[in-house]
Amino acid sequence: MTRILIVEDDESIAEIEHDYLEMGGIHADIALSGSEGMRMITTGGYDLIVLDIMLPDMDGFQILKKIRGEVDVPILMVTAKQSDIDIVRGLNFGADDYIIKPFSPNELVARVKSHLARFNRIKDKYSTDGSTEINGLAIDPESRVVTLYGETVSLTAKEFDILHFLSTHPNQVFSRAHLFDRIWGVEAVGDISTVTVHIRKIREKIEGPDVKFIETVWGVGYKFLN
C-alpha cells in the first residue's frame, strides 16, 4: 500500500489534506510538529512526504537537510510564501517540488499522484537497465547508488534521475525543458529553472577542478561527457 506523510502543524489543514488524499486512494499519516515528522520519516518507510516549511519546533528546511541523504522518496514542500528565495532554497536542499498556500486540496492530490507515478515508473525502468561506470564514477540503477572512486555520493531522488538519464545518453544535448519533462513528467507543475539548480548540486557532488562529467552547452542545454 502506498503511504505518504503529511508534516503540517495546522491540524485543520492537515486533516483536510489527509481526507482528500484518502478519498484519492492514498493512505496518509499526519505529523503535527517537526520533531514528530522527523521521527516518523526515519521509521515509517513512506513513499512520499508533504513537508510544510513553517513548523513550530524546527522548520521544513532543517528537516529536509537532515533527511535528504537518507530518504530516497519524492518530497513536496508546502510554503505560504511566494518568495523565489524560499523556493530555490528548498530545491537546493533536495525538495522535488513545491506548492504555495492557499492551494486546492485537489491540486495537492494531483501533485502527489503525479510524483508517485513518476517515481515508480523511473524505479521500474532503472531496475532493468545496466549500470554505468566512467572515469571513476559508477551509477547503479538497481540500487540507485552512485559512487565516485569507491566513495558513495549522496544524491536526492531527482539528482539521481537526472544523472542517470544523462549518463545513459552520453554526448547528447538535452534542453532544460526536455529534462524537466523527462524527469518531472510532462504534466508536472513547476519552473524549469529547478533543472539548473539540480544540475549545479550534482556537479558540486561529483565534479572537481580536474574532473568534469556534465557540460553546459550554452543556449541549448546539458550533456554527459563520455
C-alpha atoms as a PDB file:
ATOM      1  CA  MET A   1       0.000   0.000   0.000  1.00  0.00           C
ATOM      2  CA  THR A   2       1.230   3.489  -0.877  1.00  0.00           C
ATOM      3  CA  ARG A   3       1.803   5.556   2.260  1.00  0.00           C
ATOM      4  CA  ILE A   4       2.643   9.218   2.485  1.00  0.00           C
ATOM      5  CA  LEU A   5       3.349  11.505   5.419  1.00  0.00           C
ATOM      6  CA  ILE A   6       1.909  14.995   5.903  1.00  0.00           C
ATOM      7  CA  VAL A   7       4.047  17.196   8.170  1.00  0.00           C
ATOM      8  CA  GLU A   8       1.800  20.160   8.987  1.00  0.00           C
ATOM      9  CA  ASP A   9       1.296  21.939  12.319  1.00  0.00           C
ATOM     10  CA  ASP A  10      -2.147  23.332  11.458  1.00  0.00           C
ATOM     11  CA  GLU A  11      -4.351  20.384  12.380  1.00  0.00           C
ATOM     12  CA  SER A  12      -7.373  21.586  10.384  1.00  0.00           C
ATOM     13  CA  ILE A  13      -5.306  21.914   7.201  1.00  0.00           C
ATOM     14  CA  ALA A  14      -3.618  18.573   7.839  1.00  0.00           C
ATOM     15  CA  GLU A  15      -6.986  16.859   8.273  1.00  0.00           C
ATOM     16  CA  ILE A  16      -8.327  18.328   5.024  1.00  0.00           C
ATOM     17  CA  GLU A  17      -5.221  17.184   3.148  1.00  0.00           C
ATOM     18  CA  HIS A  18      -5.487  13.775   4.786  1.00  0.00           C
ATOM     19  CA  ASP A  19      -9.164  13.332   3.880  1.00  0.00           C
ATOM     20  CA  TYR A  20      -8.703  14.324   0.234  1.00  0.00           C
ATOM     21  CA  LEU A  21      -5.707  12.025  -0.165  1.00  0.00           C
ATOM     22  CA  GLU A  22      -7.599   9.133   1.432  1.00  0.00           C
ATOM     23  CA  MET A  23     -10.532   9.777  -0.945  1.00  0.00           C
ATOM     24  CA  GLY A  24      -7.984   9.632  -3.760  1.00  0.00           C
ATOM     25  CA  GLY A  25      -6.906   6.175  -2.627  1.00  0.00           C
ATOM     26  CA  ILE A  26      -3.686   7.238  -0.901  1.00  0.00           C
ATOM     27  CA  HIS A  27      -3.104   6.326   2.731  1.00  0.00           C
ATOM     28  CA  ALA A  28      -1.766   9.337   4.643  1.00  0.00           C
ATOM     29  CA  ASP A  29      -0.370   9.805   8.134  1.00  0.00           C
ATOM     30  CA  ILE A  30      -0.054  13.168   9.896  1.00  0.00           C
ATOM     31  CA  ALA A  31       2.743  14.676  11.967  1.00  0.00           C
ATOM     32  CA  LEU A  32       1.834  17.943  13.714  1.00  0.00           C
ATOM     33  CA  SER A  33       5.371  19.054  14.534  1.00  0.00           C
ATOM     34  CA  GLY A  34       8.827  18.932  13.025  1.00  0.00           C
ATOM     35  CA  SER A  35      10.207  16.594  15.661  1.00  0.00           C
ATOM     36  CA  GLU A  36       7.303  14.188  15.240  1.00  0.00           C
ATOM     37  CA  GLY A  37       7.755  14.389  11.495  1.00  0.00           C
ATOM     38  CA  MET A  38      11.454  13.556  11.801  1.00  0.00           C
ATOM     39  CA  ARG A  39      10.703  10.515  13.924  1.00  0.00           C
ATOM     40  CA  MET A  40       8.015   9.245  11.554  1.00  0.00           C
ATOM     41  CA  ILE A  41      10.075   9.881   8.434  1.00  0.00           C
ATOM     42  CA  THR A  42      13.041   7.888   9.728  1.00  0.00           C
ATOM     43  CA  THR A  43      10.936   4.951  10.928  1.00  0.00           C
ATOM     44  CA  GLY A  44       7.837   4.912   8.740  1.00  0.00           C
ATOM     45  CA  GLY A  45       9.031   3.820   5.288  1.00  0.00           C
ATOM     46  CA  TYR A  46       6.899   6.382   3.428  1.00  0.00           C
ATOM     47  CA  ASP A  47       6.604   6.655  -0.359  1.00  0.00           C
ATOM     48  CA  LEU A  48       6.296  10.473  -0.405  1.00  0.00           C
ATOM     49  CA  ILE A  49       6.481  13.311   2.105  1.00  0.00           C
ATOM     50  CA  VAL A  50       4.405  16.508   2.099  1.00  0.00           C
ATOM     51  CA  LEU A  51       6.508  18.874   4.215  1.00  0.00           C
ATOM     52  CA  ASP A  52       5.382  22.297   5.410  1.00  0.00           C
ATOM     53  CA  ILE A  53       8.156  24.885   5.765  1.00  0.00           C
ATOM     54  CA  MET A  54       6.739  26.795   8.760  1.00  0.00           C
ATOM     55  CA  LEU A  55       6.689  24.456  11.771  1.00  0.00           C
ATOM     56  CA  PRO A  56       6.826  25.433  15.457  1.00  0.00           C
ATOM     57  CA  ASP A  57       9.856  23.491  16.687  1.00  0.00           C
ATOM     58  CA  MET A  58      12.008  23.012  13.594  1.00  0.00           C
ATOM     59  CA  ASP A  59      11.264  24.279  10.115  1.00  0.00           C
ATOM     60  CA  GLY A  60      10.920  22.240   6.968  1.00  0.00           C
ATOM     61  CA  PHE A  61      14.332  23.298   5.690  1.00  0.00           C
ATOM     62  CA  GLN A  62      16.018  21.848   8.782  1.00  0.00           C
ATOM     63  CA  ILE A  63      14.129  18.583   8.348  1.00  0.00           C
ATOM     64  CA  LEU A  64      14.931  18.443   4.642  1.00  0.00           C
ATOM     65  CA  LYS A  65      18.664  18.926   5.257  1.00  0.00           C
ATOM     66  CA  LYS A  66      18.705  16.162   7.876  1.00  0.00           C
ATOM     67  CA  ILE A  67      16.786  13.531   5.898  1.00  0.00           C
ATOM     68  CA  ARG A  68      17.685  14.156   2.272  1.00  0.00           C
ATOM     69  CA  GLY A  69      20.758  11.954   2.202  1.00  0.00           C
ATOM     70  CA  GLU A  70      18.883   9.121   3.903  1.00  0.00           C
ATOM     71  CA  VAL A  71      15.413   9.162   2.324  1.00  0.00           C
ATOM     72  CA  ASP A  72      15.103   8.490  -1.399  1.00  0.00           C
ATOM     73  CA  VAL A  73      11.453   9.432  -1.977  1.00  0.00           C
ATOM     74  CA  PRO A  74       9.760  12.486  -3.504  1.00  0.00           C
ATOM     75  CA  ILE A  75       9.450  15.424  -1.094  1.00  0.00           C
ATOM     76  CA  LEU A  76       6.823  18.090  -1.797  1.00  0.00           C
ATOM     77  CA  MET A  77       7.432  21.327   0.106  1.00  0.00           C
ATOM     78  CA  VAL A  78       4.487  23.477   1.191  1.00  0.00           C
ATOM     79  CA  THR A  79       5.025  27.202   1.714  1.00  0.00           C
ATOM     80  CA  ALA A  80       2.831  30.205   2.494  1.00  0.00           C
ATOM     81  CA  LYS A  81       5.430  32.477   0.900  1.00  0.00           C
ATOM     82  CA  GLN A  82       5.739  33.165  -2.793  1.00  0.00           C
ATOM     83  CA  SER A  83       9.361  34.231  -2.429  1.00  0.00           C
ATOM     84  CA  ASP A  84      11.701  32.790  -5.039  1.00  0.00           C
ATOM     85  CA  ILE A  85      14.383  32.621  -2.346  1.00  0.00           C
ATOM     86  CA  ASP A  86      12.357  30.147  -0.271  1.00  0.00           C
ATOM     87  CA  ILE A  87      11.523  28.066  -3.320  1.00  0.00           C
ATOM     88  CA  VAL A  88      15.124  27.929  -4.567  1.00  0.00           C
ATOM     89  CA  ARG A  89      16.341  27.226  -1.029  1.00  0.00           C
ATOM     90  CA  GLY A  90      14.036  24.219  -0.799  1.00  0.00           C
ATOM     91  CA  LEU A  91      15.165  22.922  -4.176  1.00  0.00           C
ATOM     92  CA  ASN A  92      18.796  23.406  -3.156  1.00  0.00           C
ATOM     93  CA  PHE A  93      18.205  21.256  -0.082  1.00  0.00           C
ATOM     94  CA  GLY A  94      16.717  18.478  -2.219  1.00  0.00           C
ATOM     95  CA  ALA A  95      12.972  19.118  -2.493  1.00  0.00           C
ATOM     96  CA  ASP A  96      11.404  17.656  -5.619  1.00  0.00           C
ATOM     97  CA  ASP A  97       8.568  20.163  -5.925  1.00  0.00           C
ATOM     98  CA  TYR A  98       6.761  22.902  -4.038  1.00  0.00           C
ATOM     99  CA  ILE A  99       3.188  24.086  -3.639  1.00  0.00           C
ATOM    100  CA  ILE A 100       2.142  27.535  -2.400  1.00  0.00           C
ATOM    101  CA  LYS A 101      -0.667  28.108   0.104  1.00  0.00           C
ATOM    102  CA  PRO A 102      -3.535  28.569  -0.294  1.00  0.00           C
ATOM    103  CA  PHE A 103      -4.000  25.698  -2.718  1.00  0.00           C
ATOM    104  CA  SER A 104      -6.816  23.418  -3.747  1.00  0.00           C
ATOM    105  CA  PRO A 105      -6.790  20.024  -1.987  1.00  0.00           C
ATOM    106  CA  ASN A 106      -7.450  18.510  -5.398  1.00  0.00           C
ATOM    107  CA  GLU A 107      -4.259  20.133  -6.681  1.00  0.00           C
ATOM    108  CA  LEU A 108      -2.335  18.541  -3.821  1.00  0.00           C
ATOM    109  CA  VAL A 109      -3.780  15.116  -4.633  1.00  0.00           C
ATOM    110  CA  ALA A 110      -2.901  15.566  -8.319  1.00  0.00           C
ATOM    111  CA  ARG A 111       0.663  16.615  -7.495  1.00  0.00           C
ATOM    112  CA  VAL A 112       1.135  13.701  -5.092  1.00  0.00           C
ATOM    113  CA  LYS A 113      -0.203  11.161  -7.591  1.00  0.00           C
ATOM    114  CA  SER A 114       1.966  12.620 -10.371  1.00  0.00           C
ATOM    115  CA  HIS A 115       5.141  12.360  -8.300  1.00  0.00           C
ATOM    116  CA  LEU A 116       4.333   8.865  -7.063  1.00  0.00           C
ATOM    117  CA  ALA A 117       3.609   7.616 -10.574  1.00  0.00           C
ATOM    118  CA  ARG A 118       6.719   9.262 -11.970  1.00  0.00           C
ATOM    119  CA  PHE A 119       8.965   7.912  -9.223  1.00  0.00           C
ATOM    120  CA  ASN A 120       7.582   4.384  -9.621  1.00  0.00           C
ATOM    121  CA  ARG A 121       7.988   4.428 -13.414  1.00  0.00           C
ATOM    122  CA  ILE A 122      11.591   5.522 -13.091  1.00  0.00           C
ATOM    123  CA  LYS A 123      12.354   2.869 -10.477  1.00  0.00           C
ATOM    124  CA  ASP A 124      10.781   0.166 -12.662  1.00  0.00           C
ATOM    125  CA  LYS A 125      12.738   1.309 -15.707  1.00  0.00           C
ATOM    126  CA  TYR A 126      16.036   1.649 -13.919  1.00  0.00           C
ATOM    127  CA  SER A 127      15.721  -1.767 -12.329  1.00  0.00           C
ATOM    128  CA  THR A 128      16.111  -3.323 -15.785  1.00  0.00           C
ATOM    129  CA  ASP A 129      18.856  -1.032 -17.086  1.00  0.00           C
ATOM    130  CA  GLY A 130      22.553  -1.736 -16.796  1.00  0.00           C
ATOM    131  CA  SER A 131      24.914   0.214 -14.598  1.00  0.00           C
ATOM    132  CA  THR A 132      27.217   2.945 -15.875  1.00  0.00           C
ATOM    133  CA  GLU A 133      30.879   3.429 -14.980  1.00  0.00           C
ATOM    134  CA  ILE A 134      33.156   6.089 -16.395  1.00  0.00           C
ATOM    135  CA  ASN A 135      36.268   7.811 -15.061  1.00  0.00           C
ATOM    136  CA  GLY A 136      35.731   6.597 -11.500  1.00  0.00           C
ATOM    137  CA  LEU A 137      32.013   7.415 -11.443  1.00  0.00           C
ATOM    138  CA  ALA A 138      29.729   4.387 -11.045  1.00  0.00           C
ATOM    139  CA  ILE A 139      25.939   4.620 -11.317  1.00  0.00           C
ATOM    140  CA  ASP A 140      23.925   1.557 -10.285  1.00  0.00           C
ATOM    141  CA  PRO A 141      20.252   1.986 -11.246  1.00  0.00           C
ATOM    142  CA  GLU A 142      19.098  -1.136  -9.431  1.00  0.00           C
ATOM    143  CA  SER A 143      20.317   0.002  -6.018  1.00  0.00           C
ATOM    144  CA  ARG A 144      20.167   3.691  -7.013  1.00  0.00           C
ATOM    145  CA  VAL A 145      23.667   4.121  -5.609  1.00  0.00           C
ATOM    146  CA  VAL A 146      26.325   6.408  -7.061  1.00  0.00           C
ATOM    147  CA  THR A 147      29.990   6.081  -6.121  1.00  0.00           C
ATOM    148  CA  LEU A 148      32.975   8.207  -7.052  1.00  0.00           C
ATOM    149  CA  TYR A 149      36.317   6.390  -6.797  1.00  0.00           C
ATOM    150  CA  GLY A 150      34.623   3.898  -4.490  1.00  0.00           C
ATOM    151  CA  GLU A 151      33.102   6.520  -2.174  1.00  0.00           C
ATOM    152  CA  THR A 152      29.305   6.746  -2.003  1.00  0.00           C
ATOM    153  CA  VAL A 153      27.844  10.022  -3.272  1.00  0.00           C
ATOM    154  CA  SER A 154      24.624  11.146  -1.573  1.00  0.00           C
ATOM    155  CA  LEU A 155      22.133  12.277  -4.235  1.00  0.00           C
ATOM    156  CA  THR A 156      18.475  13.172  -3.956  1.00  0.00           C
ATOM    157  CA  ALA A 157      15.950  11.176  -5.974  1.00  0.00           C
ATOM    158  CA  LYS A 158      15.742  13.811  -8.698  1.00  0.00           C
ATOM    159  CA  GLU A 159      19.518  14.332  -8.787  1.00  0.00           C
ATOM    160  CA  PHE A 160      19.991  10.600  -9.313  1.00  0.00           C
ATOM    161  CA  ASP A 161      17.307  10.523 -12.031  1.00  0.00           C
ATOM    162  CA  ILE A 162      18.903  13.414 -13.927  1.00  0.00           C
ATOM    163  CA  LEU A 163      22.419  11.987 -13.667  1.00  0.00           C
ATOM    164  CA  HIS A 164      21.346   8.504 -14.691  1.00  0.00           C
ATOM    165  CA  PHE A 165      19.315   9.781 -17.635  1.00  0.00           C
ATOM    166  CA  LEU A 166      22.174  11.927 -18.927  1.00  0.00           C
ATOM    167  CA  SER A 167      24.726   9.131 -18.412  1.00  0.00           C
ATOM    168  CA  THR A 168      22.635   6.688 -20.443  1.00  0.00           C
ATOM    169  CA  HIS A 169      22.583   9.202 -23.326  1.00  0.00           C
ATOM    170  CA  PRO A 170      26.246  10.277 -23.466  1.00  0.00           C
ATOM    171  CA  ASN A 171      27.228  13.251 -25.630  1.00  0.00           C
ATOM    172  CA  GLN A 172      23.590  14.043 -26.395  1.00  0.00           C
ATOM    173  CA  VAL A 173      22.438  17.576 -25.558  1.00  0.00           C
ATOM    174  CA  PHE A 174      19.154  17.957 -23.687  1.00  0.00           C
ATOM    175  CA  SER A 175      17.420  21.253 -23.004  1.00  0.00           C
ATOM    176  CA  ARG A 176      16.175  22.206 -19.541  1.00  0.00           C
ATOM    177  CA  ALA A 177      12.600  21.828 -20.806  1.00  0.00           C
ATOM    178  CA  HIS A 178      13.314  18.316 -22.091  1.00  0.00           C
ATOM    179  CA  LEU A 179      14.941  17.272 -18.828  1.00  0.00           C
ATOM    180  CA  PHE A 180      12.085  18.750 -16.816  1.00  0.00           C
ATOM    181  CA  ASP A 181       9.504  16.822 -18.878  1.00  0.00           C
ATOM    182  CA  ARG A 182      11.592  13.636 -18.755  1.00  0.00           C
ATOM    183  CA  ILE A 183      12.322  13.664 -15.019  1.00  0.00           C
ATOM    184  CA  TRP A 184       9.363  15.517 -13.516  1.00  0.00           C
ATOM    185  CA  GLY A 185       6.799  14.451 -16.136  1.00  0.00           C
ATOM    186  CA  VAL A 186       5.038  16.366 -18.889  1.00  0.00           C
ATOM    187  CA  GLU A 187       2.085  17.107 -16.606  1.00  0.00           C
ATOM    188  CA  ALA A 188       4.242  18.391 -13.740  1.00  0.00           C
ATOM    189  CA  VAL A 189       3.613  21.900 -12.477  1.00  0.00           C
ATOM    190  CA  GLY A 190       6.731  23.885 -11.737  1.00  0.00           C
ATOM    191  CA  ASP A 191       9.558  26.012 -13.037  1.00  0.00           C
ATOM    192  CA  ILE A 192      12.139  24.506 -15.388  1.00  0.00           C
ATOM    193  CA  SER A 193      14.776  26.584 -13.566  1.00  0.00           C
ATOM    194  CA  THR A 194      14.721  23.786 -10.995  1.00  0.00           C
ATOM    195  CA  VAL A 195      16.707  21.749 -13.543  1.00  0.00           C
ATOM    196  CA  THR A 196      19.534  24.286 -13.343  1.00  0.00           C
ATOM    197  CA  VAL A 197      19.541  24.072  -9.547  1.00  0.00           C
ATOM    198  CA  HIS A 198      19.653  20.263  -9.595  1.00  0.00           C
ATOM    199  CA  ILE A 199      22.432  20.169 -12.210  1.00  0.00           C
ATOM    200  CA  ARG A 200      24.504  22.559 -10.086  1.00  0.00           C
ATOM    201  CA  LYS A 201      24.025  20.376  -7.000  1.00  0.00           C
ATOM    202  CA  ILE A 202      25.038  17.256  -8.947  1.00  0.00           C
ATOM    203  CA  ARG A 203      28.191  18.973 -10.162  1.00  0.00           C
ATOM    204  CA  GLU A 204      29.114  20.071  -6.648  1.00  0.00           C
ATOM    205  CA  LYS A 205      28.928  16.447  -5.523  1.00  0.00           C
ATOM    206  CA  ILE A 206      30.734  14.649  -8.355  1.00  0.00           C
ATOM    207  CA  GLU A 207      32.963  17.189 -10.086  1.00  0.00           C
ATOM    208  CA  GLY A 208      36.162  18.997  -9.162  1.00  0.00           C
ATOM    209  CA  PRO A 209      38.742  21.297 -10.751  1.00  0.00           C
ATOM    210  CA  ASP A 210      40.098  18.480 -12.917  1.00  0.00           C
ATOM    211  CA  VAL A 211      37.009  16.264 -13.089  1.00  0.00           C
ATOM    212  CA  LYS A 212      34.052  17.057 -15.308  1.00  0.00           C
ATOM    213  CA  PHE A 213      31.119  14.851 -16.213  1.00  0.00           C
ATOM    214  CA  ILE A 214      28.359  17.277 -17.281  1.00  0.00           C
ATOM    215  CA  GLU A 215      28.906  20.022 -19.827  1.00  0.00           C
ATOM    216  CA  THR A 216      26.741  23.083 -20.307  1.00  0.00           C
ATOM    217  CA  VAL A 217      26.040  23.801 -23.951  1.00  0.00           C
ATOM    218  CA  TRP A 218      25.210  27.482 -23.682  1.00  0.00           C
ATOM    219  CA  GLY A 219      21.847  28.434 -25.080  1.00  0.00           C
ATOM    220  CA  VAL A 220      20.927  24.785 -25.610  1.00  0.00           C
ATOM    221  CA  GLY A 221      21.173  22.592 -22.521  1.00  0.00           C
ATOM    222  CA  TYR A 222      23.366  19.912 -20.921  1.00  0.00           C
ATOM    223  CA  LYS A 223      25.176  16.758 -21.960  1.00  0.00           C
ATOM    224  CA  PHE A 224      27.044  13.951 -20.198  1.00  0.00           C
ATOM    225  CA  LEU A 225      30.642  13.635 -21.349  1.00  0.00           C
ATOM    226  CA  ASN A 226      31.923  10.251 -22.429  1.00  0.00           C
END
